[in-house]
Each structure stands twice: as C-alpha cells, then as structure tokens.
Amino acid sequence: MYGRDPIFNIDLLIKHDLQRHIPSDEDAGVYVENLVSTLHAAWRSAAAFNERQSRKFKQQYDRSHLQPLEVKVGDRVFLRDFIPKLGLSQKLVNPWLGQFRVIVVDPPHLIITSISSPQSTPKKVHMNQVKKCFELTGPVFTSPWSPEQETQELAAANAVDSDMCGYRHEVVQQIEQPVSESSHSYNTRFRSRRTSI
C-alpha cells in the first residue's frame, strides 16, 4: 500500500516477542525470575477472578432458588406422587398424595405417618419429596389398613420403615368362623297365622 509492504498485527507481536527473548546463558536467571513472577501474578489474578465469579453465581442461585423446607414435628405434609396414572395426562393429575403427619425431623430426612391410616408403619422420606400442607382438609375417616395408593407412593419415594415406640400397630387378622347349618329342617320363623272364624 502506497509502495510499502503492509505491517500486520501478528508481525508486531512476533517482533515484540523476539526482542524480549534473551538467548544468552548468562541472563537465563533473569528470564526465569521474570517468568516465575509473571506466572504467579497470572495465577493470583485467575484465583481472584474465580472467587468473584463463584460468589456472583452463588448470589444469583440463592436469589432464584427455593428456600429450604421449614417443617417441624406435628406439621401435615403432602407426599410427591411418582406413579404415573394410566390414561391421564401428567398435566391433569395432582402431583401430591394424601396427608401425612411429621413425627421426627432429621434433616435432610423426615419420618412421616399417614393421617388416613395412623396405625401404619412410619416411613422415612427425603425432605424434597414432601410439601407442607396448609389446607384444613383431611380424610373423612381413618381406616385400619394402609391405603394401596399410599403404599405404592411410599415405595416409589424410596421410603424406609422406621420402628418407633408408640407408632407400631400390628393389625390382627380376624378369622371368620363359618356359620354352621342348623341340624333341623323345620322353619322357625314367625309367621302370621290366619285363622278362620
């Protein structure tokens, strides 16, 4: 251009590096000292930058992340429903099941028992599998058996049985005795007698 060869940026960088390089053996100590100090400065700068970025990312995460679940003993909670319902869209199905009462809080786990079947074995579940219940609704009655749906959901949530004093109720199976047929063949029902006059 204008009768001269163009000078590119890469040529300037290479020329600059060639001028700074010290090829003699007498000055190698100065070169090593300079290299070590430059590397240490680069490492300190990178560590400070990483520290600032990690604080910034943590602050953003804490701002947008849900607060930890605050549950205490006696609170009612819902259990996450993991079992898919056949024939229903996931958008139409309630993702929470039943109501359970918290009997022990041991972060990050809870021990819960069913409200609809209080004699069932208490289960140990993770805190992220439950949601605090604020509704005053509950089961209409309690039953002496564990509801099948609750049993399946607890198994899907990897709930573990917890033996706790006062919460273990064995269900006694009642054996039905067959009614014996009467040995006589006549009918003992009361019949209205109609007599003629």
N, C-alpha and C. Protein backbone atom coordinates (compact mmCIF):
# COMPACT_ATOMS: atom_id res chain seq x y z
N MET A 1 0.83 -1.16 0.00
CA MET A 1 0.00 0.00 0.00
C MET A 1 0.90 1.25 0.00
N TYR A 2 0.68 2.14 -0.87
CA TYR A 2 1.49 3.34 -1.04
C TYR A 2 2.96 2.98 -1.25
N GLY A 3 3.22 1.85 -1.91
CA GLY A 3 4.59 1.47 -2.22
C GLY A 3 5.32 0.79 -1.08
N ARG A 4 4.60 0.49 0.04
CA ARG A 4 5.25 -0.19 1.17
C ARG A 4 4.55 -1.52 1.42
N ASP A 5 5.27 -2.43 2.06
CA ASP A 5 4.64 -3.69 2.46
C ASP A 5 3.77 -3.43 3.69
N PRO A 6 2.61 -4.07 3.75
CA PRO A 6 1.74 -3.86 4.93
C PRO A 6 2.35 -4.52 6.17
N ILE A 7 2.10 -3.93 7.32
CA ILE A 7 2.55 -4.49 8.60
C ILE A 7 1.30 -4.99 9.33
N PHE A 8 1.27 -6.30 9.54
CA PHE A 8 0.11 -6.90 10.22
C PHE A 8 0.34 -6.96 11.73
N ASN A 9 -0.73 -7.16 12.46
CA ASN A 9 -0.65 -7.24 13.93
C ASN A 9 0.22 -8.41 14.37
N ILE A 10 0.10 -9.52 13.67
CA ILE A 10 0.87 -10.70 14.06
C ILE A 10 2.36 -10.46 13.91
N ASP A 11 2.73 -9.67 12.89
CA ASP A 11 4.15 -9.34 12.71
C ASP A 11 4.66 -8.52 13.89
N LEU A 12 3.83 -7.60 14.37
CA LEU A 12 4.24 -6.79 15.52
C LEU A 12 4.41 -7.65 16.77
N LEU A 13 3.50 -8.61 16.97
CA LEU A 13 3.60 -9.48 18.14
C LEU A 13 4.85 -10.35 18.09
N ILE A 14 5.13 -10.92 16.92
CA ILE A 14 6.31 -11.78 16.79
C ILE A 14 7.58 -10.96 16.98
N LYS A 15 7.61 -9.77 16.40
CA LYS A 15 8.79 -8.91 16.55
C LYS A 15 9.00 -8.53 18.01
N HIS A 16 7.89 -8.23 18.71
CA HIS A 16 7.97 -7.86 20.12
C HIS A 16 8.50 -9.02 20.95
N ASP A 17 8.02 -10.25 20.68
CA ASP A 17 8.48 -11.44 21.41
C ASP A 17 9.95 -11.71 21.12
N LEU A 18 10.38 -11.50 19.89
CA LEU A 18 11.78 -11.75 19.56
C LEU A 18 12.71 -10.78 20.27
N GLN A 19 12.26 -9.55 20.44
CA GLN A 19 13.09 -8.56 21.12
C GLN A 19 13.19 -8.84 22.62
N ARG A 20 12.13 -9.39 23.22
CA ARG A 20 12.15 -9.66 24.66
C ARG A 20 12.89 -10.94 25.00
N HIS A 21 13.01 -11.84 24.06
CA HIS A 21 13.66 -13.12 24.33
C HIS A 21 15.16 -12.90 24.52
N ILE A 22 15.70 -13.52 25.59
CA ILE A 22 17.13 -13.37 25.89
C ILE A 22 17.80 -14.71 25.62
N PRO A 23 18.52 -14.83 24.53
CA PRO A 23 19.10 -16.13 24.19
C PRO A 23 20.37 -16.48 24.94
N SER A 24 21.03 -15.53 25.57
CA SER A 24 22.32 -15.83 26.20
C SER A 24 22.13 -16.59 27.50
N ASP A 25 23.11 -17.46 27.83
CA ASP A 25 23.04 -18.28 29.03
C ASP A 25 23.30 -17.46 30.29
N GLU A 26 24.02 -16.35 30.17
CA GLU A 26 24.34 -15.56 31.35
C GLU A 26 23.10 -14.91 31.95
N ASP A 27 22.15 -14.54 31.09
CA ASP A 27 20.96 -13.83 31.56
C ASP A 27 19.76 -14.76 31.74
N ALA A 28 19.96 -16.06 31.77
CA ALA A 28 18.84 -17.01 31.91
C ALA A 28 18.17 -16.87 33.27
N GLY A 29 18.94 -16.52 34.29
CA GLY A 29 18.36 -16.36 35.64
C GLY A 29 17.34 -15.24 35.67
N VAL A 30 17.64 -14.14 34.99
CA VAL A 30 16.70 -13.01 34.93
C VAL A 30 15.42 -13.44 34.21
N TYR A 31 15.61 -14.20 33.12
CA TYR A 31 14.44 -14.67 32.35
C TYR A 31 13.56 -15.58 33.21
N VAL A 32 14.16 -16.52 33.95
CA VAL A 32 13.41 -17.44 34.80
C VAL A 32 12.70 -16.68 35.91
N GLU A 33 13.39 -15.72 36.51
CA GLU A 33 12.78 -14.91 37.57
C GLU A 33 11.56 -14.16 37.04
N ASN A 34 11.73 -13.57 35.88
CA ASN A 34 10.64 -12.82 35.25
C ASN A 34 9.47 -13.76 34.93
N LEU A 35 9.78 -14.95 34.41
CA LEU A 35 8.74 -15.93 34.06
C LEU A 35 7.98 -16.39 35.30
N VAL A 36 8.68 -16.71 36.37
CA VAL A 36 8.05 -17.19 37.61
C VAL A 36 7.16 -16.11 38.20
N SER A 37 7.65 -14.88 38.27
CA SER A 37 6.83 -13.80 38.84
C SER A 37 5.59 -13.54 37.98
N THR A 38 5.75 -13.62 36.66
CA THR A 38 4.60 -13.43 35.77
C THR A 38 3.57 -14.54 35.95
N LEU A 39 4.05 -15.79 36.06
CA LEU A 39 3.13 -16.92 36.27
C LEU A 39 2.39 -16.80 37.60
N HIS A 40 3.11 -16.43 38.66
CA HIS A 40 2.46 -16.27 39.96
C HIS A 40 1.41 -15.16 39.92
N ALA A 41 1.72 -14.07 39.25
CA ALA A 41 0.75 -12.98 39.12
C ALA A 41 -0.48 -13.44 38.34
N ALA A 42 -0.25 -14.24 37.28
CA ALA A 42 -1.38 -14.75 36.49
C ALA A 42 -2.23 -15.70 37.32
N TRP A 43 -1.59 -16.56 38.13
CA TRP A 43 -2.34 -17.49 38.97
C TRP A 43 -3.16 -16.75 40.02
N ARG A 44 -2.56 -15.72 40.64
CA ARG A 44 -3.31 -14.95 41.64
C ARG A 44 -4.49 -14.23 40.99
N SER A 45 -4.26 -13.68 39.82
CA SER A 45 -5.33 -12.98 39.10
C SER A 45 -6.46 -13.95 38.74
N ALA A 46 -6.11 -15.15 38.26
CA ALA A 46 -7.13 -16.14 37.91
C ALA A 46 -7.89 -16.61 39.14
N ALA A 47 -7.18 -16.80 40.28
CA ALA A 47 -7.85 -17.24 41.51
C ALA A 47 -8.82 -16.17 42.01
N ALA A 48 -8.40 -14.90 41.94
CA ALA A 48 -9.29 -13.81 42.37
C ALA A 48 -10.51 -13.72 41.46
N PHE A 49 -10.30 -13.89 40.16
CA PHE A 49 -11.43 -13.85 39.22
C PHE A 49 -12.39 -15.01 39.49
N ASN A 50 -11.85 -16.22 39.72
CA ASN A 50 -12.71 -17.37 40.02
C ASN A 50 -13.50 -17.16 41.31
N GLU A 51 -12.86 -16.57 42.30
CA GLU A 51 -13.55 -16.29 43.57
C GLU A 51 -14.71 -15.32 43.36
N ARG A 52 -14.44 -14.24 42.60
CA ARG A 52 -15.51 -13.26 42.32
C ARG A 52 -16.66 -13.91 41.56
N GLN A 53 -16.33 -14.72 40.55
CA GLN A 53 -17.37 -15.36 39.75
C GLN A 53 -18.18 -16.36 40.57
N SER A 54 -17.52 -17.13 41.43
CA SER A 54 -18.26 -18.11 42.23
C SER A 54 -19.19 -17.40 43.22
N ARG A 55 -18.74 -16.28 43.81
CA ARG A 55 -19.63 -15.51 44.69
C ARG A 55 -20.82 -14.96 43.91
N LYS A 56 -20.56 -14.49 42.71
CA LYS A 56 -21.62 -13.94 41.87
C LYS A 56 -22.63 -15.03 41.49
N PHE A 57 -22.13 -16.22 41.10
CA PHE A 57 -23.03 -17.32 40.74
C PHE A 57 -23.84 -17.80 41.95
N LYS A 58 -23.20 -17.86 43.13
CA LYS A 58 -23.91 -18.29 44.33
C LYS A 58 -25.01 -17.29 44.69
N GLN A 59 -24.70 -16.01 44.57
CA GLN A 59 -25.69 -14.98 44.87
C GLN A 59 -26.89 -15.10 43.93
N GLN A 60 -26.64 -15.33 42.65
CA GLN A 60 -27.72 -15.49 41.68
C GLN A 60 -28.53 -16.76 41.97
N TYR A 61 -27.85 -17.84 42.30
CA TYR A 61 -28.53 -19.11 42.61
C TYR A 61 -29.40 -18.96 43.85
N ASP A 62 -28.87 -18.31 44.89
CA ASP A 62 -29.64 -18.13 46.12
C ASP A 62 -30.84 -17.22 45.89
N ARG A 63 -30.72 -16.29 44.99
CA ARG A 63 -31.82 -15.38 44.71
C ARG A 63 -32.97 -16.09 44.00
N SER A 64 -32.63 -17.01 43.08
CA SER A 64 -33.67 -17.66 42.28
C SER A 64 -34.07 -19.02 42.81
N HIS A 65 -33.36 -19.55 43.81
CA HIS A 65 -33.62 -20.90 44.30
C HIS A 65 -34.65 -20.85 45.44
N LEU A 66 -35.41 -21.94 45.57
CA LEU A 66 -36.40 -22.02 46.64
C LEU A 66 -35.71 -22.13 48.00
N GLN A 67 -36.34 -21.55 48.99
CA GLN A 67 -35.82 -21.66 50.34
C GLN A 67 -35.99 -23.09 50.85
N PRO A 68 -35.16 -23.55 51.75
CA PRO A 68 -35.33 -24.91 52.27
C PRO A 68 -36.65 -25.05 53.01
N LEU A 69 -37.18 -26.26 52.99
CA LEU A 69 -38.46 -26.55 53.60
C LEU A 69 -38.37 -26.40 55.11
N GLU A 70 -39.26 -25.61 55.68
CA GLU A 70 -39.28 -25.43 57.12
C GLU A 70 -40.44 -26.25 57.67
N VAL A 71 -40.12 -27.43 58.17
CA VAL A 71 -41.12 -28.34 58.70
C VAL A 71 -40.74 -28.67 60.13
N LYS A 72 -41.74 -28.69 61.00
CA LYS A 72 -41.47 -29.10 62.38
C LYS A 72 -42.37 -30.27 62.74
N VAL A 73 -42.11 -30.88 63.85
CA VAL A 73 -42.87 -32.05 64.29
C VAL A 73 -44.33 -31.66 64.47
N GLY A 74 -45.22 -32.48 63.93
CA GLY A 74 -46.66 -32.24 64.04
C GLY A 74 -47.26 -31.60 62.79
N ASP A 75 -46.43 -31.07 61.90
CA ASP A 75 -46.95 -30.47 60.66
C ASP A 75 -47.52 -31.54 59.75
N ARG A 76 -48.51 -31.13 58.97
CA ARG A 76 -49.06 -32.02 57.96
C ARG A 76 -48.38 -31.73 56.63
N VAL A 77 -48.06 -32.80 55.88
CA VAL A 77 -47.37 -32.65 54.61
C VAL A 77 -48.02 -33.54 53.56
N PHE A 78 -47.81 -33.16 52.29
CA PHE A 78 -48.20 -33.99 51.15
C PHE A 78 -46.95 -34.73 50.68
N LEU A 79 -47.15 -35.90 50.09
CA LEU A 79 -46.05 -36.70 49.55
C LEU A 79 -46.13 -36.63 48.03
N ARG A 80 -44.97 -36.48 47.37
CA ARG A 80 -44.94 -36.39 45.91
C ARG A 80 -45.41 -37.71 45.30
N ASP A 81 -46.27 -37.62 44.30
CA ASP A 81 -46.86 -38.78 43.62
C ASP A 81 -46.02 -39.11 42.40
N PHE A 82 -45.24 -40.19 42.46
CA PHE A 82 -44.36 -40.57 41.37
C PHE A 82 -44.99 -41.56 40.40
N ILE A 83 -46.03 -42.25 40.81
CA ILE A 83 -46.60 -43.31 39.97
C ILE A 83 -47.46 -42.69 38.88
N PRO A 84 -47.17 -43.01 37.61
CA PRO A 84 -47.98 -42.44 36.52
C PRO A 84 -49.38 -43.05 36.52
N LYS A 85 -50.35 -42.23 36.19
CA LYS A 85 -51.73 -42.69 36.11
C LYS A 85 -52.04 -43.02 34.66
N LEU A 86 -52.49 -44.23 34.44
CA LEU A 86 -52.79 -44.67 33.08
C LEU A 86 -53.99 -43.92 32.53
N GLY A 87 -53.88 -43.47 31.31
CA GLY A 87 -54.99 -42.81 30.64
C GLY A 87 -55.16 -41.34 30.98
N LEU A 88 -54.31 -40.80 31.84
CA LEU A 88 -54.43 -39.39 32.21
C LEU A 88 -53.13 -38.65 31.87
N SER A 89 -53.29 -37.42 31.42
CA SER A 89 -52.13 -36.59 31.14
C SER A 89 -51.49 -36.15 32.45
N GLN A 90 -50.17 -36.01 32.46
CA GLN A 90 -49.48 -35.59 33.68
C GLN A 90 -49.91 -34.19 34.11
N LYS A 91 -50.36 -33.39 33.14
CA LYS A 91 -50.79 -32.03 33.48
C LYS A 91 -52.09 -32.03 34.27
N LEU A 92 -52.88 -33.09 34.11
CA LEU A 92 -54.19 -33.14 34.75
C LEU A 92 -54.19 -33.88 36.08
N VAL A 93 -53.09 -34.50 36.42
CA VAL A 93 -53.02 -35.30 37.64
C VAL A 93 -52.42 -34.48 38.76
N ASN A 94 -52.99 -34.59 39.95
CA ASN A 94 -52.45 -33.91 41.12
C ASN A 94 -51.10 -34.54 41.47
N PRO A 95 -50.02 -33.76 41.53
CA PRO A 95 -48.71 -34.36 41.79
C PRO A 95 -48.45 -34.69 43.26
N TRP A 96 -49.41 -34.43 44.14
CA TRP A 96 -49.22 -34.68 45.57
C TRP A 96 -50.26 -35.66 46.06
N LEU A 97 -49.88 -36.46 47.03
CA LEU A 97 -50.73 -37.53 47.53
C LEU A 97 -51.02 -37.35 49.01
N GLY A 98 -52.28 -37.59 49.37
CA GLY A 98 -52.70 -37.73 50.76
C GLY A 98 -52.23 -36.65 51.70
N GLN A 99 -52.39 -36.94 52.97
CA GLN A 99 -51.83 -36.09 54.01
C GLN A 99 -51.10 -36.99 54.99
N PHE A 100 -49.93 -36.54 55.40
CA PHE A 100 -49.12 -37.28 56.34
C PHE A 100 -48.72 -36.34 57.46
N ARG A 101 -48.49 -36.89 58.63
CA ARG A 101 -48.05 -36.09 59.77
C ARG A 101 -46.58 -36.36 60.04
N VAL A 102 -45.82 -35.27 60.25
CA VAL A 102 -44.40 -35.38 60.54
C VAL A 102 -44.24 -35.73 62.02
N ILE A 103 -43.50 -36.81 62.30
CA ILE A 103 -43.29 -37.19 63.70
C ILE A 103 -41.84 -37.00 64.14
N VAL A 104 -40.90 -36.98 63.19
CA VAL A 104 -39.49 -36.72 63.51
C VAL A 104 -38.87 -35.93 62.36
N VAL A 105 -38.11 -34.89 62.68
CA VAL A 105 -37.37 -34.12 61.68
C VAL A 105 -35.89 -34.39 61.91
N ASP A 106 -35.23 -34.97 60.90
CA ASP A 106 -33.81 -35.28 60.96
C ASP A 106 -33.22 -34.89 59.61
N PRO A 107 -32.92 -33.56 59.41
CA PRO A 107 -32.51 -33.12 58.07
C PRO A 107 -31.40 -33.96 57.49
N PRO A 108 -31.48 -34.33 56.24
CA PRO A 108 -32.46 -33.99 55.22
C PRO A 108 -33.61 -34.98 55.13
N HIS A 109 -33.91 -35.72 56.19
CA HIS A 109 -34.98 -36.69 56.15
C HIS A 109 -36.07 -36.34 57.15
N LEU A 110 -37.26 -36.87 56.88
CA LEU A 110 -38.41 -36.75 57.78
C LEU A 110 -38.95 -38.15 58.02
N ILE A 111 -39.54 -38.36 59.18
CA ILE A 111 -40.29 -39.59 59.42
C ILE A 111 -41.74 -39.17 59.50
N ILE A 112 -42.55 -39.77 58.61
CA ILE A 112 -43.96 -39.39 58.49
C ILE A 112 -44.84 -40.60 58.72
N THR A 113 -46.07 -40.33 59.12
CA THR A 113 -47.08 -41.38 59.24
C THR A 113 -48.35 -40.88 58.58
N SER A 114 -49.11 -41.80 58.03
CA SER A 114 -50.32 -41.44 57.30
C SER A 114 -51.40 -40.95 58.25
N ILE A 115 -52.11 -39.91 57.84
CA ILE A 115 -53.23 -39.43 58.66
C ILE A 115 -54.45 -40.31 58.44
N SER A 116 -54.64 -40.79 57.21
CA SER A 116 -55.81 -41.63 56.94
C SER A 116 -55.65 -43.03 57.53
N SER A 117 -54.43 -43.46 57.80
CA SER A 117 -54.18 -44.77 58.40
C SER A 117 -53.09 -44.62 59.45
N PRO A 118 -53.43 -44.05 60.62
CA PRO A 118 -52.40 -43.74 61.61
C PRO A 118 -51.70 -44.95 62.21
N GLN A 119 -52.28 -46.14 62.10
CA GLN A 119 -51.64 -47.33 62.66
C GLN A 119 -50.61 -47.92 61.72
N SER A 120 -50.45 -47.35 60.52
CA SER A 120 -49.45 -47.87 59.58
C SER A 120 -48.05 -47.54 60.08
N THR A 121 -47.08 -48.27 59.57
CA THR A 121 -45.69 -48.10 60.00
C THR A 121 -45.17 -46.74 59.54
N PRO A 122 -44.53 -45.97 60.42
CA PRO A 122 -43.94 -44.69 59.99
C PRO A 122 -42.88 -44.90 58.92
N LYS A 123 -42.78 -43.96 58.00
CA LYS A 123 -41.84 -44.06 56.89
C LYS A 123 -40.85 -42.90 56.93
N LYS A 124 -39.61 -43.19 56.53
CA LYS A 124 -38.56 -42.18 56.46
C LYS A 124 -38.40 -41.76 55.01
N VAL A 125 -38.63 -40.47 54.72
CA VAL A 125 -38.53 -39.95 53.35
C VAL A 125 -37.62 -38.72 53.34
N HIS A 126 -37.14 -38.38 52.15
CA HIS A 126 -36.29 -37.19 51.99
C HIS A 126 -37.16 -35.95 52.01
N MET A 127 -36.60 -34.84 52.48
CA MET A 127 -37.37 -33.60 52.61
C MET A 127 -37.84 -33.06 51.26
N ASN A 128 -37.13 -33.37 50.17
CA ASN A 128 -37.56 -32.84 48.89
C ASN A 128 -38.69 -33.65 48.28
N GLN A 129 -39.17 -34.70 48.96
CA GLN A 129 -40.29 -35.49 48.47
C GLN A 129 -41.61 -35.05 49.09
N VAL A 130 -41.59 -34.06 49.97
CA VAL A 130 -42.81 -33.63 50.65
C VAL A 130 -43.02 -32.13 50.46
N LYS A 131 -44.27 -31.72 50.66
CA LYS A 131 -44.63 -30.30 50.59
C LYS A 131 -45.54 -30.02 51.78
N LYS A 132 -45.31 -28.92 52.45
CA LYS A 132 -46.10 -28.59 53.63
C LYS A 132 -47.55 -28.35 53.23
N CYS A 133 -48.45 -28.85 54.06
CA CYS A 133 -49.89 -28.75 53.78
C CYS A 133 -50.46 -27.60 54.60
N PHE A 134 -51.15 -26.68 53.93
CA PHE A 134 -51.75 -25.55 54.62
C PHE A 134 -53.27 -25.63 54.62
N GLU A 135 -53.83 -26.66 53.96
CA GLU A 135 -55.28 -26.80 53.91
C GLU A 135 -55.78 -27.48 55.17
N LEU A 136 -57.01 -27.19 55.54
CA LEU A 136 -57.59 -27.81 56.71
C LEU A 136 -58.36 -29.08 56.37
N THR A 137 -58.26 -29.51 55.13
CA THR A 137 -58.96 -30.73 54.75
C THR A 137 -58.17 -31.93 55.22
N GLY A 138 -58.83 -33.03 55.32
CA GLY A 138 -58.18 -34.26 55.75
C GLY A 138 -59.07 -35.42 55.40
N PRO A 139 -58.68 -36.60 55.79
CA PRO A 139 -59.51 -37.76 55.48
C PRO A 139 -60.81 -37.71 56.28
N VAL A 140 -61.86 -38.24 55.68
CA VAL A 140 -63.16 -38.27 56.34
C VAL A 140 -63.12 -39.25 57.50
N PHE A 141 -62.40 -40.33 57.33
CA PHE A 141 -62.28 -41.33 58.39
C PHE A 141 -60.90 -41.95 58.33
N THR A 142 -60.53 -42.59 59.41
CA THR A 142 -59.28 -43.35 59.41
C THR A 142 -59.62 -44.81 59.24
N SER A 143 -58.74 -45.51 58.56
CA SER A 143 -59.01 -46.91 58.27
C SER A 143 -57.96 -47.79 58.94
N PRO A 144 -58.32 -49.04 59.24
CA PRO A 144 -57.36 -49.92 59.90
C PRO A 144 -56.34 -50.53 58.95
N TRP A 145 -56.36 -50.18 57.70
CA TRP A 145 -55.40 -50.73 56.73
C TRP A 145 -54.70 -49.58 56.03
N SER A 146 -53.57 -49.86 55.47
CA SER A 146 -52.84 -48.84 54.71
C SER A 146 -53.44 -48.75 53.32
N PRO A 147 -53.83 -47.56 52.89
CA PRO A 147 -54.37 -47.43 51.53
C PRO A 147 -53.34 -47.89 50.51
N GLU A 148 -53.81 -48.58 49.49
CA GLU A 148 -52.92 -49.16 48.48
C GLU A 148 -52.14 -48.08 47.74
N GLN A 149 -52.81 -46.98 47.41
CA GLN A 149 -52.14 -45.91 46.68
C GLN A 149 -51.00 -45.31 47.51
N GLU A 150 -51.25 -45.09 48.81
CA GLU A 150 -50.20 -44.54 49.66
C GLU A 150 -49.03 -45.51 49.77
N THR A 151 -49.31 -46.79 49.86
CA THR A 151 -48.25 -47.79 49.95
C THR A 151 -47.38 -47.77 48.70
N GLN A 152 -48.01 -47.67 47.52
CA GLN A 152 -47.25 -47.62 46.27
C GLN A 152 -46.42 -46.35 46.18
N GLU A 153 -46.99 -45.22 46.58
CA GLU A 153 -46.27 -43.95 46.50
C GLU A 153 -45.08 -43.93 47.45
N LEU A 154 -45.26 -44.48 48.64
CA LEU A 154 -44.15 -44.52 49.59
C LEU A 154 -43.03 -45.40 49.06
N ALA A 155 -43.38 -46.49 48.39
CA ALA A 155 -42.36 -47.36 47.80
C ALA A 155 -41.64 -46.63 46.66
N ALA A 156 -42.39 -45.85 45.86
CA ALA A 156 -41.78 -45.11 44.76
C ALA A 156 -40.87 -43.99 45.26
N ALA A 157 -41.17 -43.45 46.44
CA ALA A 157 -40.35 -42.37 47.01
C ALA A 157 -39.18 -42.91 47.82
N ASN A 158 -38.93 -44.22 47.74
CA ASN A 158 -37.84 -44.87 48.48
C ASN A 158 -37.96 -44.65 49.98
N ALA A 159 -39.20 -44.71 50.48
CA ALA A 159 -39.43 -44.55 51.91
C ALA A 159 -38.99 -45.82 52.64
N VAL A 160 -38.42 -45.63 53.81
CA VAL A 160 -37.91 -46.75 54.61
C VAL A 160 -38.74 -46.84 55.88
N ASP A 161 -39.10 -48.07 56.28
CA ASP A 161 -39.83 -48.27 57.53
C ASP A 161 -38.99 -47.81 58.70
N SER A 162 -39.63 -47.15 59.67
CA SER A 162 -38.93 -46.72 60.87
C SER A 162 -39.68 -47.27 62.07
N ASP A 163 -39.00 -48.07 62.87
CA ASP A 163 -39.63 -48.59 64.09
C ASP A 163 -39.56 -47.52 65.15
N MET A 164 -40.73 -47.05 65.58
CA MET A 164 -40.79 -46.02 66.61
C MET A 164 -41.76 -46.48 67.67
N CYS A 165 -41.39 -46.26 68.89
CA CYS A 165 -42.23 -46.64 70.01
C CYS A 165 -43.52 -45.82 69.98
N GLY A 166 -44.64 -46.48 70.07
CA GLY A 166 -45.92 -45.79 70.07
C GLY A 166 -46.54 -45.64 68.70
N TYR A 167 -45.80 -45.95 67.64
CA TYR A 167 -46.33 -45.80 66.29
C TYR A 167 -46.42 -47.13 65.57
N ARG A 168 -46.16 -48.21 66.25
CA ARG A 168 -46.20 -49.53 65.63
C ARG A 168 -47.49 -50.21 66.06
N HIS A 169 -48.35 -50.50 65.13
CA HIS A 169 -49.61 -51.16 65.42
C HIS A 169 -49.74 -52.38 64.54
N GLU A 170 -49.79 -53.52 65.16
CA GLU A 170 -49.98 -54.74 64.39
C GLU A 170 -51.47 -54.92 64.15
N VAL A 171 -51.83 -55.22 62.93
CA VAL A 171 -53.23 -55.46 62.59
C VAL A 171 -53.49 -56.94 62.78
N VAL A 172 -54.43 -57.24 63.64
CA VAL A 172 -54.77 -58.64 63.92
C VAL A 172 -55.80 -59.08 62.89
N GLN A 173 -55.50 -60.18 62.24
CA GLN A 173 -56.43 -60.71 61.24
C GLN A 173 -57.55 -61.46 61.96
N GLN A 174 -58.74 -61.09 61.68
CA GLN A 174 -59.90 -61.76 62.27
C GLN A 174 -60.24 -62.96 61.41
N ILE A 175 -60.31 -64.10 62.04
CA ILE A 175 -60.67 -65.32 61.32
C ILE A 175 -62.18 -65.48 61.42
N GLU A 176 -62.79 -65.49 60.27
CA GLU A 176 -64.25 -65.63 60.26
C GLU A 176 -64.60 -67.09 60.44
N GLN A 177 -65.49 -67.35 61.39
CA GLN A 177 -65.93 -68.72 61.62
C GLN A 177 -67.16 -68.96 60.77
N PRO A 178 -67.16 -70.06 60.04
CA PRO A 178 -68.33 -70.34 59.21
C PRO A 178 -69.55 -70.62 60.08
N VAL A 179 -70.66 -70.11 59.63
CA VAL A 179 -71.91 -70.33 60.36
C VAL A 179 -72.36 -71.76 60.08
N SER A 180 -72.57 -72.50 61.15
CA SER A 180 -72.97 -73.90 60.96
C SER A 180 -74.44 -73.98 60.56
N GLU A 181 -74.71 -74.89 59.71
CA GLU A 181 -76.08 -75.10 59.27
C GLU A 181 -76.86 -75.74 60.42
N SER A 182 -78.09 -75.39 60.53
CA SER A 182 -78.89 -75.98 61.62
C SER A 182 -79.15 -77.46 61.34
N SER A 183 -79.25 -78.21 62.41
CA SER A 183 -79.44 -79.66 62.28
C SER A 183 -80.89 -80.04 61.98
N HIS A 184 -81.80 -79.14 62.24
CA HIS A 184 -83.21 -79.45 61.98
C HIS A 184 -83.64 -78.82 60.66
N SER A 185 -84.65 -79.38 60.09
CA SER A 185 -85.08 -78.92 58.78
C SER A 185 -86.32 -78.05 58.82
N TYR A 186 -86.91 -77.86 59.99
CA TYR A 186 -88.12 -77.05 60.04
C TYR A 186 -87.77 -75.58 60.16
N ASN A 187 -88.69 -74.75 59.78
CA ASN A 187 -88.52 -73.31 59.75
C ASN A 187 -89.00 -72.72 61.06
N THR A 188 -88.17 -71.93 61.70
CA THR A 188 -88.54 -71.33 62.99
C THR A 188 -88.93 -69.87 62.87
N ARG A 189 -89.13 -69.42 61.67
CA ARG A 189 -89.53 -68.02 61.50
C ARG A 189 -90.94 -67.82 62.02
N PHE A 190 -91.16 -66.60 62.48
CA PHE A 190 -92.50 -66.27 62.91
C PHE A 190 -93.36 -66.02 61.68
N ARG A 191 -94.49 -66.71 61.66
CA ARG A 191 -95.43 -66.49 60.58
C ARG A 191 -96.74 -66.01 61.18
N SER A 192 -97.33 -65.11 60.49
CA SER A 192 -98.63 -64.66 60.98
C SER A 192 -99.66 -65.74 60.67
N ARG A 193 -100.38 -66.12 61.68
CA ARG A 193 -101.39 -67.16 61.50
C ARG A 193 -102.73 -66.52 61.24
N ARG A 194 -103.31 -67.03 60.25
CA ARG A 194 -104.65 -66.53 59.94
C ARG A 194 -105.64 -67.66 60.27
N THR A 195 -106.46 -67.32 61.11
CA THR A 195 -107.47 -68.33 61.48
C THR A 195 -108.83 -67.91 60.94
N SER A 196 -109.58 -68.85 60.58
CA SER A 196 -110.92 -68.53 60.08
C SER A 196 -111.93 -68.63 61.21
N ILE A 197 -112.97 -67.90 61.16
CA ILE A 197 -113.97 -67.89 62.21
C ILE A 197 -115.15 -68.72 61.79
